[in-house]
Amino acid sequence: MEAQINTLLEAHPRSPVLTSMPGVGVRTAAVLLITVGDGTSFPTAAHLASYAGLTPTTKQSGTSFHGEHAPRGGNRQLKRTMSLSAFACMNADPASRACYDKQRARGKTHTQALLRLARQRTSVPFAMLRDGTMHESRTPQDVELAA
């Protein structure tokens, strides 16, 4: 089964675009291609993140507001895939690690910081698929990298 998925993925024209991104392997690319397609299914990356269940929601009842939390809905397979991709890239991509560390410094828990990183990372493959461009690594400006 895995060999068939690899063969089908290699035949897809957008496969090299997705796999050029750190933390995106064969399985992640397959789920993204099935869900997102060529990027025209969703008007913006925020719509894709909302569909995946990666955008925070606020509980409200009358005048009572309860803080933002991760929604329980959304496409569970896509949400899980993006979360695992975010976790996998933390040590491979300095920009992703900087984003995670920044959230942790703000007092977020590991899970909250990971979900925020996953949300941020949904924008990148969306734009890559829409434009057909390869991933370009970026170095965070405000974080010193260990030599």
N, C-alpha and C. Protein backbone atom coordinates (compact mmCIF):
# COMPACT_ATOMS: atom_id res chain seq x y z
N MET A 1 0.83 -1.19 0.00
CA MET A 1 0.00 0.00 0.00
C MET A 1 0.87 1.25 0.00
N GLU A 2 1.91 1.25 0.84
CA GLU A 2 2.79 2.41 0.91
C GLU A 2 3.53 2.63 -0.40
N ALA A 3 3.91 1.54 -1.07
CA ALA A 3 4.59 1.66 -2.35
C ALA A 3 3.66 2.28 -3.40
N GLN A 4 2.38 1.91 -3.36
CA GLN A 4 1.42 2.49 -4.29
C GLN A 4 1.24 3.99 -4.03
N ILE A 5 1.18 4.36 -2.76
CA ILE A 5 1.05 5.78 -2.41
C ILE A 5 2.26 6.55 -2.90
N ASN A 6 3.46 5.98 -2.69
CA ASN A 6 4.69 6.63 -3.16
C ASN A 6 4.68 6.81 -4.66
N THR A 7 4.25 5.80 -5.38
CA THR A 7 4.21 5.86 -6.85
C THR A 7 3.23 6.94 -7.32
N LEU A 8 2.04 6.96 -6.71
CA LEU A 8 1.05 7.96 -7.09
C LEU A 8 1.50 9.37 -6.74
N LEU A 9 2.15 9.49 -5.60
CA LEU A 9 2.62 10.81 -5.17
C LEU A 9 3.73 11.33 -6.08
N GLU A 10 4.65 10.46 -6.47
CA GLU A 10 5.74 10.87 -7.37
C GLU A 10 5.21 11.30 -8.73
N ALA A 11 4.08 10.72 -9.14
CA ALA A 11 3.49 11.07 -10.43
C ALA A 11 2.76 12.41 -10.39
N HIS A 12 2.41 12.88 -9.22
CA HIS A 12 1.68 14.14 -9.11
C HIS A 12 2.63 15.32 -9.36
N PRO A 13 2.22 16.30 -10.16
CA PRO A 13 3.12 17.42 -10.48
C PRO A 13 3.46 18.33 -9.30
N ARG A 14 2.62 18.38 -8.28
CA ARG A 14 2.87 19.26 -7.12
C ARG A 14 3.60 18.55 -5.99
N SER A 15 3.91 17.28 -6.15
CA SER A 15 4.59 16.52 -5.11
C SER A 15 5.94 17.10 -4.71
N PRO A 16 6.82 17.44 -5.67
CA PRO A 16 8.12 18.01 -5.27
C PRO A 16 7.98 19.34 -4.54
N VAL A 17 6.92 20.08 -4.84
CA VAL A 17 6.69 21.36 -4.18
C VAL A 17 6.46 21.13 -2.69
N LEU A 18 5.60 20.18 -2.36
CA LEU A 18 5.29 19.92 -0.96
C LEU A 18 6.44 19.28 -0.19
N THR A 19 7.09 18.31 -0.79
CA THR A 19 8.15 17.59 -0.08
C THR A 19 9.41 18.43 0.08
N SER A 20 9.46 19.61 -0.54
CA SER A 20 10.62 20.49 -0.34
C SER A 20 10.55 21.21 1.00
N MET A 21 9.42 21.16 1.65
CA MET A 21 9.23 21.83 2.94
C MET A 21 9.68 20.91 4.08
N PRO A 22 10.44 21.43 5.05
CA PRO A 22 10.85 20.61 6.19
C PRO A 22 9.65 20.11 6.98
N GLY A 23 9.68 18.86 7.35
CA GLY A 23 8.59 18.27 8.13
C GLY A 23 7.47 17.71 7.28
N VAL A 24 7.60 17.79 5.97
CA VAL A 24 6.58 17.25 5.08
C VAL A 24 7.18 16.08 4.32
N GLY A 25 6.68 14.90 4.64
CA GLY A 25 7.13 13.68 3.99
C GLY A 25 6.05 13.16 3.05
N VAL A 26 6.15 11.89 2.75
CA VAL A 26 5.22 11.27 1.79
C VAL A 26 3.79 11.29 2.32
N ARG A 27 3.60 10.89 3.56
CA ARG A 27 2.24 10.83 4.11
C ARG A 27 1.62 12.21 4.25
N THR A 28 2.39 13.16 4.74
CA THR A 28 1.87 14.51 4.90
C THR A 28 1.53 15.11 3.54
N ALA A 29 2.40 14.92 2.57
CA ALA A 29 2.14 15.44 1.22
C ALA A 29 0.89 14.80 0.63
N ALA A 30 0.70 13.50 0.85
CA ALA A 30 -0.48 12.82 0.32
C ALA A 30 -1.75 13.38 0.94
N VAL A 31 -1.76 13.58 2.25
CA VAL A 31 -2.95 14.13 2.91
C VAL A 31 -3.22 15.55 2.43
N LEU A 32 -2.18 16.35 2.28
CA LEU A 32 -2.36 17.73 1.80
C LEU A 32 -2.90 17.76 0.37
N LEU A 33 -2.38 16.90 -0.48
CA LEU A 33 -2.85 16.88 -1.86
C LEU A 33 -4.30 16.41 -1.95
N ILE A 34 -4.66 15.45 -1.11
CA ILE A 34 -6.05 14.97 -1.11
C ILE A 34 -6.99 16.06 -0.59
N THR A 35 -6.56 16.74 0.47
CA THR A 35 -7.42 17.73 1.12
C THR A 35 -7.44 19.06 0.38
N VAL A 36 -6.27 19.58 0.08
CA VAL A 36 -6.15 20.92 -0.48
C VAL A 36 -6.20 20.91 -2.00
N GLY A 37 -5.70 19.88 -2.59
CA GLY A 37 -5.64 19.82 -4.05
C GLY A 37 -4.60 20.79 -4.58
N ASP A 38 -5.00 21.64 -5.50
CA ASP A 38 -4.06 22.61 -6.07
C ASP A 38 -4.12 23.96 -5.38
N GLY A 39 -4.89 24.06 -4.31
CA GLY A 39 -4.96 25.30 -3.56
C GLY A 39 -6.13 26.18 -3.92
N THR A 40 -6.93 25.79 -4.90
CA THR A 40 -8.06 26.62 -5.31
C THR A 40 -9.35 26.26 -4.56
N SER A 41 -9.33 25.21 -3.76
CA SER A 41 -10.52 24.79 -3.01
C SER A 41 -10.86 25.76 -1.89
N PHE A 42 -9.86 26.47 -1.38
CA PHE A 42 -10.04 27.41 -0.28
C PHE A 42 -9.62 28.80 -0.74
N PRO A 43 -10.42 29.82 -0.42
CA PRO A 43 -10.05 31.18 -0.86
C PRO A 43 -8.77 31.70 -0.22
N THR A 44 -8.55 31.39 1.06
CA THR A 44 -7.35 31.86 1.76
C THR A 44 -6.80 30.75 2.64
N ALA A 45 -5.59 30.95 3.14
CA ALA A 45 -4.98 29.99 4.05
C ALA A 45 -5.73 29.94 5.37
N ALA A 46 -6.35 31.06 5.77
CA ALA A 46 -7.14 31.07 7.00
C ALA A 46 -8.36 30.16 6.88
N HIS A 47 -8.95 30.08 5.71
CA HIS A 47 -10.07 29.17 5.50
C HIS A 47 -9.61 27.72 5.63
N LEU A 48 -8.43 27.42 5.09
CA LEU A 48 -7.87 26.08 5.22
C LEU A 48 -7.60 25.75 6.68
N ALA A 49 -7.02 26.67 7.42
CA ALA A 49 -6.73 26.44 8.84
C ALA A 49 -8.02 26.23 9.63
N SER A 50 -9.05 26.97 9.31
CA SER A 50 -10.34 26.81 9.97
C SER A 50 -10.94 25.45 9.63
N TYR A 51 -10.84 25.05 8.39
CA TYR A 51 -11.33 23.73 7.97
C TYR A 51 -10.60 22.61 8.70
N ALA A 52 -9.32 22.80 8.95
CA ALA A 52 -8.53 21.80 9.66
C ALA A 52 -8.78 21.81 11.16
N GLY A 53 -9.41 22.86 11.67
CA GLY A 53 -9.64 22.95 13.11
C GLY A 53 -8.44 23.48 13.86
N LEU A 54 -7.67 24.34 13.22
CA LEU A 54 -6.46 24.89 13.84
C LEU A 54 -6.60 26.36 14.24
N THR A 55 -7.78 26.94 14.08
CA THR A 55 -7.98 28.32 14.49
C THR A 55 -8.65 28.36 15.85
N PRO A 56 -8.25 29.26 16.73
CA PRO A 56 -8.84 29.31 18.06
C PRO A 56 -10.29 29.81 18.02
N THR A 57 -11.09 29.31 18.94
CA THR A 57 -12.48 29.75 19.06
C THR A 57 -12.72 30.28 20.46
N THR A 58 -13.73 31.12 20.60
CA THR A 58 -14.08 31.69 21.89
C THR A 58 -15.48 31.21 22.27
N LYS A 59 -15.62 30.70 23.48
CA LYS A 59 -16.95 30.33 23.97
C LYS A 59 -17.62 31.57 24.51
N GLN A 60 -18.88 31.78 24.11
CA GLN A 60 -19.61 32.96 24.54
C GLN A 60 -21.04 32.56 24.86
N SER A 61 -21.52 33.02 25.98
CA SER A 61 -22.89 32.80 26.36
C SER A 61 -23.40 34.08 27.03
N GLY A 62 -24.23 34.81 26.32
CA GLY A 62 -24.70 36.08 26.85
C GLY A 62 -23.56 37.06 26.98
N THR A 63 -23.31 37.53 28.21
CA THR A 63 -22.21 38.46 28.43
C THR A 63 -20.97 37.76 28.96
N SER A 64 -21.01 36.44 29.03
CA SER A 64 -19.89 35.66 29.56
C SER A 64 -18.99 35.18 28.41
N PHE A 65 -17.71 35.53 28.49
CA PHE A 65 -16.74 35.09 27.49
C PHE A 65 -15.75 34.15 28.15
N HIS A 66 -15.47 33.06 27.52
CA HIS A 66 -14.46 32.13 28.01
C HIS A 66 -13.36 32.08 26.97
N GLY A 67 -12.12 32.23 27.39
CA GLY A 67 -10.96 32.39 26.52
C GLY A 67 -10.90 31.51 25.30
N GLU A 68 -9.92 31.77 24.51
CA GLU A 68 -9.74 31.04 23.26
C GLU A 68 -9.21 29.63 23.54
N HIS A 69 -9.71 28.70 22.77
CA HIS A 69 -9.26 27.32 22.88
C HIS A 69 -9.32 26.69 21.49
N ALA A 70 -8.68 25.54 21.36
CA ALA A 70 -8.69 24.83 20.08
C ALA A 70 -10.06 24.20 19.88
N PRO A 71 -10.63 24.34 18.70
CA PRO A 71 -11.95 23.75 18.46
C PRO A 71 -11.85 22.23 18.36
N ARG A 72 -12.94 21.58 18.64
CA ARG A 72 -12.96 20.11 18.56
C ARG A 72 -13.33 19.65 17.16
N GLY A 73 -13.87 20.53 16.37
CA GLY A 73 -14.31 20.17 15.03
C GLY A 73 -13.18 20.25 14.01
N GLY A 74 -13.57 20.24 12.78
CA GLY A 74 -12.59 20.34 11.70
C GLY A 74 -12.23 18.98 11.14
N ASN A 75 -11.42 18.99 10.14
CA ASN A 75 -10.93 17.77 9.52
C ASN A 75 -9.85 17.17 10.40
N ARG A 76 -10.18 16.11 11.11
CA ARG A 76 -9.25 15.54 12.09
C ARG A 76 -7.98 15.00 11.46
N GLN A 77 -8.11 14.41 10.29
CA GLN A 77 -6.93 13.87 9.62
C GLN A 77 -5.96 14.98 9.24
N LEU A 78 -6.48 16.08 8.71
CA LEU A 78 -5.62 17.21 8.33
C LEU A 78 -5.02 17.86 9.57
N LYS A 79 -5.81 18.02 10.62
CA LYS A 79 -5.31 18.62 11.86
C LYS A 79 -4.19 17.78 12.45
N ARG A 80 -4.38 16.48 12.49
CA ARG A 80 -3.35 15.58 13.03
C ARG A 80 -2.09 15.61 12.17
N THR A 81 -2.29 15.61 10.87
CA THR A 81 -1.15 15.64 9.95
C THR A 81 -0.34 16.91 10.11
N MET A 82 -1.00 18.05 10.21
CA MET A 82 -0.28 19.32 10.36
C MET A 82 0.39 19.41 11.73
N SER A 83 -0.23 18.86 12.76
CA SER A 83 0.39 18.85 14.10
C SER A 83 1.63 17.98 14.12
N LEU A 84 1.56 16.81 13.51
CA LEU A 84 2.73 15.93 13.45
C LEU A 84 3.84 16.54 12.60
N SER A 85 3.46 17.22 11.53
CA SER A 85 4.44 17.89 10.69
C SER A 85 5.13 19.01 11.47
N ALA A 86 4.35 19.76 12.25
CA ALA A 86 4.93 20.84 13.06
C ALA A 86 5.89 20.27 14.09
N PHE A 87 5.52 19.17 14.71
CA PHE A 87 6.38 18.55 15.71
C PHE A 87 7.67 18.03 15.07
N ALA A 88 7.55 17.45 13.88
CA ALA A 88 8.71 16.88 13.20
C ALA A 88 9.69 17.94 12.73
N CYS A 89 9.20 19.13 12.40
CA CYS A 89 10.09 20.15 11.84
C CYS A 89 10.74 21.03 12.90
N MET A 90 10.37 20.89 14.15
CA MET A 90 10.91 21.80 15.17
C MET A 90 12.43 21.75 15.27
N ASN A 91 13.02 20.59 15.10
CA ASN A 91 14.48 20.49 15.17
C ASN A 91 15.15 20.66 13.82
N ALA A 92 14.38 20.56 12.74
CA ALA A 92 14.97 20.67 11.40
C ALA A 92 14.90 22.08 10.83
N ASP A 93 13.95 22.87 11.28
CA ASP A 93 13.73 24.19 10.72
C ASP A 93 13.88 25.25 11.81
N PRO A 94 14.92 26.10 11.74
CA PRO A 94 15.14 27.11 12.78
C PRO A 94 13.98 28.09 12.93
N ALA A 95 13.31 28.44 11.85
CA ALA A 95 12.20 29.39 11.93
C ALA A 95 11.02 28.78 12.69
N SER A 96 10.77 27.51 12.47
CA SER A 96 9.68 26.83 13.18
C SER A 96 10.01 26.71 14.66
N ARG A 97 11.25 26.39 14.95
CA ARG A 97 11.66 26.28 16.35
C ARG A 97 11.55 27.63 17.05
N ALA A 98 11.91 28.70 16.36
CA ALA A 98 11.81 30.04 16.94
C ALA A 98 10.36 30.40 17.23
N CYS A 99 9.46 30.03 16.34
CA CYS A 99 8.03 30.29 16.55
C CYS A 99 7.53 29.52 17.77
N TYR A 100 7.93 28.27 17.87
CA TYR A 100 7.53 27.43 19.02
C TYR A 100 8.09 28.01 20.32
N ASP A 101 9.37 28.35 20.33
CA ASP A 101 9.99 28.90 21.53
C ASP A 101 9.36 30.24 21.94
N LYS A 102 8.98 31.04 20.96
CA LYS A 102 8.34 32.33 21.24
C LYS A 102 7.00 32.10 21.95
N GLN A 103 6.25 31.12 21.49
CA GLN A 103 4.96 30.82 22.13
C GLN A 103 5.16 30.28 23.55
N ARG A 104 6.18 29.45 23.73
CA ARG A 104 6.47 28.91 25.06
C ARG A 104 6.90 30.04 26.01
N ALA A 105 7.65 31.01 25.50
CA ALA A 105 8.08 32.14 26.32
C ALA A 105 6.89 33.00 26.73
N ARG A 106 5.84 32.99 25.95
CA ARG A 106 4.63 33.74 26.28
C ARG A 106 3.75 33.01 27.30
N GLY A 107 4.19 31.83 27.73
CA GLY A 107 3.44 31.09 28.75
C GLY A 107 2.50 30.04 28.19
N LYS A 108 2.57 29.74 26.91
CA LYS A 108 1.72 28.72 26.32
C LYS A 108 2.25 27.33 26.68
N THR A 109 1.36 26.38 26.78
CA THR A 109 1.77 25.00 27.04
C THR A 109 2.36 24.41 25.76
N HIS A 110 2.96 23.25 25.87
CA HIS A 110 3.55 22.59 24.71
C HIS A 110 2.50 22.38 23.62
N THR A 111 1.33 21.87 24.02
CA THR A 111 0.28 21.59 23.05
C THR A 111 -0.22 22.86 22.39
N GLN A 112 -0.41 23.92 23.16
CA GLN A 112 -0.87 25.18 22.59
C GLN A 112 0.17 25.75 21.62
N ALA A 113 1.43 25.70 21.99
CA ALA A 113 2.49 26.22 21.12
C ALA A 113 2.58 25.39 19.84
N LEU A 114 2.41 24.08 19.96
CA LEU A 114 2.48 23.19 18.81
C LEU A 114 1.31 23.45 17.86
N LEU A 115 0.12 23.67 18.41
CA LEU A 115 -1.03 23.96 17.56
C LEU A 115 -0.88 25.31 16.86
N ARG A 116 -0.30 26.28 17.53
CA ARG A 116 -0.06 27.58 16.88
C ARG A 116 0.96 27.45 15.76
N LEU A 117 1.98 26.62 15.98
CA LEU A 117 2.96 26.37 14.92
C LEU A 117 2.29 25.65 13.75
N ALA A 118 1.45 24.67 14.04
CA ALA A 118 0.73 23.95 12.98
C ALA A 118 -0.15 24.91 12.20
N ARG A 119 -0.80 25.84 12.90
CA ARG A 119 -1.64 26.84 12.23
C ARG A 119 -0.80 27.71 11.30
N GLN A 120 0.35 28.14 11.80
CA GLN A 120 1.23 28.97 10.98
C GLN A 120 1.71 28.20 9.75
N ARG A 121 2.00 26.93 9.96
CA ARG A 121 2.53 26.12 8.86
C ARG A 121 1.48 25.74 7.82
N THR A 122 0.20 25.93 8.09
CA THR A 122 -0.81 25.67 7.06
C THR A 122 -0.76 26.71 5.95
N SER A 123 -0.30 27.90 6.28
CA SER A 123 -0.22 28.97 5.28
C SER A 123 0.86 28.68 4.24
N VAL A 124 1.94 28.06 4.67
CA VAL A 124 3.07 27.84 3.77
C VAL A 124 2.74 26.83 2.66
N PRO A 125 2.27 25.60 2.98
CA PRO A 125 1.95 24.69 1.87
C PRO A 125 0.78 25.18 1.02
N PHE A 126 -0.14 25.93 1.64
CA PHE A 126 -1.24 26.49 0.86
C PHE A 126 -0.70 27.41 -0.23
N ALA A 127 0.20 28.31 0.15
CA ALA A 127 0.78 29.24 -0.82
C ALA A 127 1.68 28.51 -1.83
N MET A 128 2.40 27.50 -1.35
CA MET A 128 3.27 26.74 -2.25
C MET A 128 2.45 26.02 -3.31
N LEU A 129 1.33 25.41 -2.91
CA LEU A 129 0.48 24.71 -3.86
C LEU A 129 -0.20 25.69 -4.82
N ARG A 130 -0.67 26.79 -4.27
CA ARG A 130 -1.37 27.78 -5.09
C ARG A 130 -0.44 28.36 -6.16
N ASP A 131 0.81 28.69 -5.76
CA ASP A 131 1.74 29.35 -6.68
C ASP A 131 2.65 28.38 -7.42
N GLY A 132 2.75 27.14 -6.92
CA GLY A 132 3.64 26.17 -7.54
C GLY A 132 5.11 26.43 -7.27
N THR A 133 5.43 27.07 -6.14
CA THR A 133 6.81 27.40 -5.81
C THR A 133 7.37 26.44 -4.77
N MET A 134 8.67 26.27 -4.79
CA MET A 134 9.35 25.42 -3.82
C MET A 134 9.53 26.17 -2.51
N HIS A 135 9.79 25.43 -1.45
CA HIS A 135 9.99 26.03 -0.13
C HIS A 135 11.34 26.71 -0.06
N GLU A 136 11.37 27.91 0.51
CA GLU A 136 12.61 28.63 0.73
C GLU A 136 12.82 28.75 2.23
N SER A 137 13.94 28.24 2.70
CA SER A 137 14.22 28.32 4.13
C SER A 137 14.48 29.76 4.52
N ARG A 138 14.01 30.11 5.70
CA ARG A 138 14.25 31.46 6.20
C ARG A 138 14.84 31.34 7.59
N THR A 139 15.68 32.27 7.94
CA THR A 139 16.31 32.30 9.25
C THR A 139 15.62 33.39 10.06
N PRO A 140 15.18 33.08 11.27
CA PRO A 140 14.54 34.11 12.08
C PRO A 140 15.51 35.23 12.42
N GLN A 141 15.05 36.47 12.30
CA GLN A 141 15.91 37.63 12.51
C GLN A 141 16.20 37.91 13.96
N ASP A 142 15.21 37.64 14.83
CA ASP A 142 15.36 38.01 16.23
C ASP A 142 15.89 36.88 17.11
N VAL A 143 16.28 35.76 16.54
CA VAL A 143 16.78 34.64 17.34
C VAL A 143 18.19 34.30 16.89
N GLU A 144 19.07 34.18 17.85
CA GLU A 144 20.45 33.80 17.51
C GLU A 144 20.51 32.28 17.41
N LEU A 145 21.10 31.79 16.34
CA LEU A 145 21.23 30.36 16.15
C LEU A 145 22.51 29.86 16.79
N ALA A 146 22.46 28.68 17.36
CA ALA A 146 23.64 28.09 17.97
C ALA A 146 24.62 27.68 16.88
N ALA A 147 25.88 27.99 17.06
CA ALA A 147 26.87 27.68 16.03
C ALA A 147 27.45 26.31 16.22
